[in-house]
């Protein structure tokens, strides 16, 4: 498990708004749950399959964890540990953004540099 980086799957329109404001408070699901949901590197594809099936217009944000003071790894109902941020995300901690494509079968395709 790589603890240096975590990943957020986000709609491109929401990412555009976050870049303008300088921070991201999360999706409606994140706000409802009280924290921003992230995935570890090895969890991204599973998260896409489970929560974003056939969704287009997505981007994957790579976030450096070093200065995230309110980040906790917590156990999900399936037993896996997931990173949760209990504060807005300052976009200065985003080190890369990667387009998520979708193939003709509705499967998400991550770029080669992921």
Protein backbone atom coordinates (compact mmCIF):
# COMPACT_ATOMS: atom_id res chain seq x y z
CA UNK A 1 0.00 0.00 0.00
CA UNK A 2 1.42 3.37 -1.06
CA UNK A 3 0.60 5.92 1.64
CA UNK A 4 2.30 8.84 -0.14
CA UNK A 5 -0.50 9.32 -2.69
CA UNK A 6 -4.25 8.83 -2.69
CA UNK A 7 -6.68 9.21 -5.58
CA UNK A 8 -10.00 10.96 -6.08
CA UNK A 9 -12.36 10.18 -8.95
CA UNK A 10 -14.17 13.38 -9.80
CA UNK A 11 -16.44 14.74 -12.51
CA UNK A 12 -14.53 17.10 -14.81
CA UNK A 13 -17.04 19.91 -14.19
CA UNK A 14 -16.54 19.62 -10.42
CA UNK A 15 -12.76 19.59 -10.94
CA UNK A 16 -13.04 22.79 -13.01
CA UNK A 17 -14.99 24.50 -10.18
CA UNK A 18 -12.43 23.30 -7.59
CA UNK A 19 -9.55 24.75 -9.60
CA UNK A 20 -11.29 28.13 -9.66
CA UNK A 21 -12.06 28.13 -5.92
CA UNK A 22 -8.77 26.56 -4.80
CA UNK A 23 -10.41 23.79 -2.80
CA UNK A 24 -12.75 20.85 -3.14
CA UNK A 25 -15.39 20.04 -0.52
CA UNK A 26 -16.45 16.76 -2.09
CA UNK A 27 -19.30 15.24 -4.03
CA UNK A 28 -22.86 15.19 -2.69
CA UNK A 29 -22.10 11.67 -1.33
CA UNK A 30 -18.94 12.97 0.37
CA UNK A 31 -20.81 15.86 1.96
CA UNK A 32 -23.58 13.51 3.10
CA UNK A 33 -21.03 11.16 4.71
CA UNK A 34 -19.03 13.98 6.34
CA UNK A 35 -15.72 13.28 4.60
CA UNK A 36 -14.19 13.10 1.13
CA UNK A 37 -13.85 9.53 -0.15
CA UNK A 38 -10.50 8.62 -1.72
CA UNK A 39 -8.95 5.41 -2.99
CA UNK A 40 -5.50 3.96 -2.68
CA UNK A 41 -3.71 3.21 -5.95
CA UNK A 42 -4.72 -0.45 -5.88
CA UNK A 43 -8.37 0.46 -5.17
CA UNK A 44 -9.07 2.88 -8.04
CA UNK A 45 -10.31 0.33 -10.58
CA UNK A 46 -12.56 -1.35 -8.03
CA UNK A 47 -14.04 2.01 -7.03
CA UNK A 48 -14.69 2.85 -10.67
CA UNK A 49 -16.45 -0.47 -11.25
CA UNK A 50 -18.54 -0.26 -8.09
CA UNK A 51 -19.58 3.40 -8.05
CA UNK A 52 -19.01 4.88 -11.52
CA UNK A 53 -20.20 2.23 -13.99
CA UNK A 54 -20.70 3.74 -17.47
CA UNK A 55 -20.06 7.29 -16.19
CA UNK A 56 -18.18 9.55 -18.54
CA UNK A 57 -16.51 12.93 -18.05
CA UNK A 58 -14.34 11.71 -15.16
CA UNK A 59 -10.84 12.64 -14.11
CA UNK A 60 -8.56 10.96 -11.57
CA UNK A 61 -6.74 13.28 -9.17
CA UNK A 62 -3.46 12.13 -7.64
CA UNK A 63 -3.10 13.73 -4.22
CA UNK A 64 0.02 13.92 -2.06
CA UNK A 65 -0.87 12.96 1.51
CA UNK A 66 2.05 14.47 3.43
CA UNK A 67 0.28 17.69 4.48
CA UNK A 68 -3.29 16.42 4.77
CA UNK A 69 -3.91 16.90 8.48
CA UNK A 70 -7.39 15.40 8.60
CA UNK A 71 -6.76 12.22 6.61
CA UNK A 72 -7.72 8.90 8.17
CA UNK A 73 -7.58 5.38 6.77
CA UNK A 74 -10.78 3.68 7.86
CA UNK A 75 -12.27 0.25 7.39
CA UNK A 76 -15.15 -0.03 4.92
CA UNK A 77 -18.00 -2.52 5.20
CA UNK A 78 -16.07 -4.94 2.95
CA UNK A 79 -13.09 -4.92 5.33
CA UNK A 80 -10.77 -2.85 3.13
CA UNK A 81 -9.07 0.27 4.45
CA UNK A 82 -9.89 3.47 2.53
CA UNK A 83 -8.57 7.02 2.92
CA UNK A 84 -11.10 9.60 4.11
CA UNK A 85 -10.40 13.33 4.38
CA UNK A 86 -12.34 15.15 7.08
CA UNK A 87 -11.74 18.63 5.66
CA UNK A 88 -11.89 20.32 2.25
CA UNK A 89 -9.05 19.38 -0.10
CA UNK A 90 -6.69 22.25 -0.92
CA UNK A 91 -5.89 21.77 -4.59
CA UNK A 92 -2.23 22.64 -4.04
CA UNK A 93 -1.81 19.03 -2.85
CA UNK A 94 -2.93 17.61 -6.21
CA UNK A 95 0.17 16.52 -8.08
CA UNK A 96 -1.44 15.12 -11.23
CA UNK A 97 -4.74 14.80 -13.04
CA UNK A 98 -5.42 11.87 -15.34
CA UNK A 99 -8.27 11.50 -17.80
CA UNK A 100 -10.40 8.41 -17.32
CA UNK A 101 -11.65 7.06 -20.63
CA UNK A 102 -14.46 4.60 -21.23
CA UNK A 103 -14.30 1.83 -23.83
CA UNK A 104 -17.06 0.49 -26.09
CA UNK A 105 -18.06 -2.01 -23.38
CA UNK A 106 -18.58 0.66 -20.72
CA UNK A 107 -15.35 -0.18 -18.90
CA UNK A 108 -13.12 2.58 -17.59
CA UNK A 109 -9.61 2.78 -18.97
CA UNK A 110 -6.85 4.47 -17.00
CA UNK A 111 -3.93 6.09 -18.81
CA UNK A 112 -0.65 4.24 -19.20
CA UNK A 113 1.11 6.63 -16.78
CA UNK A 114 -1.18 5.61 -13.89
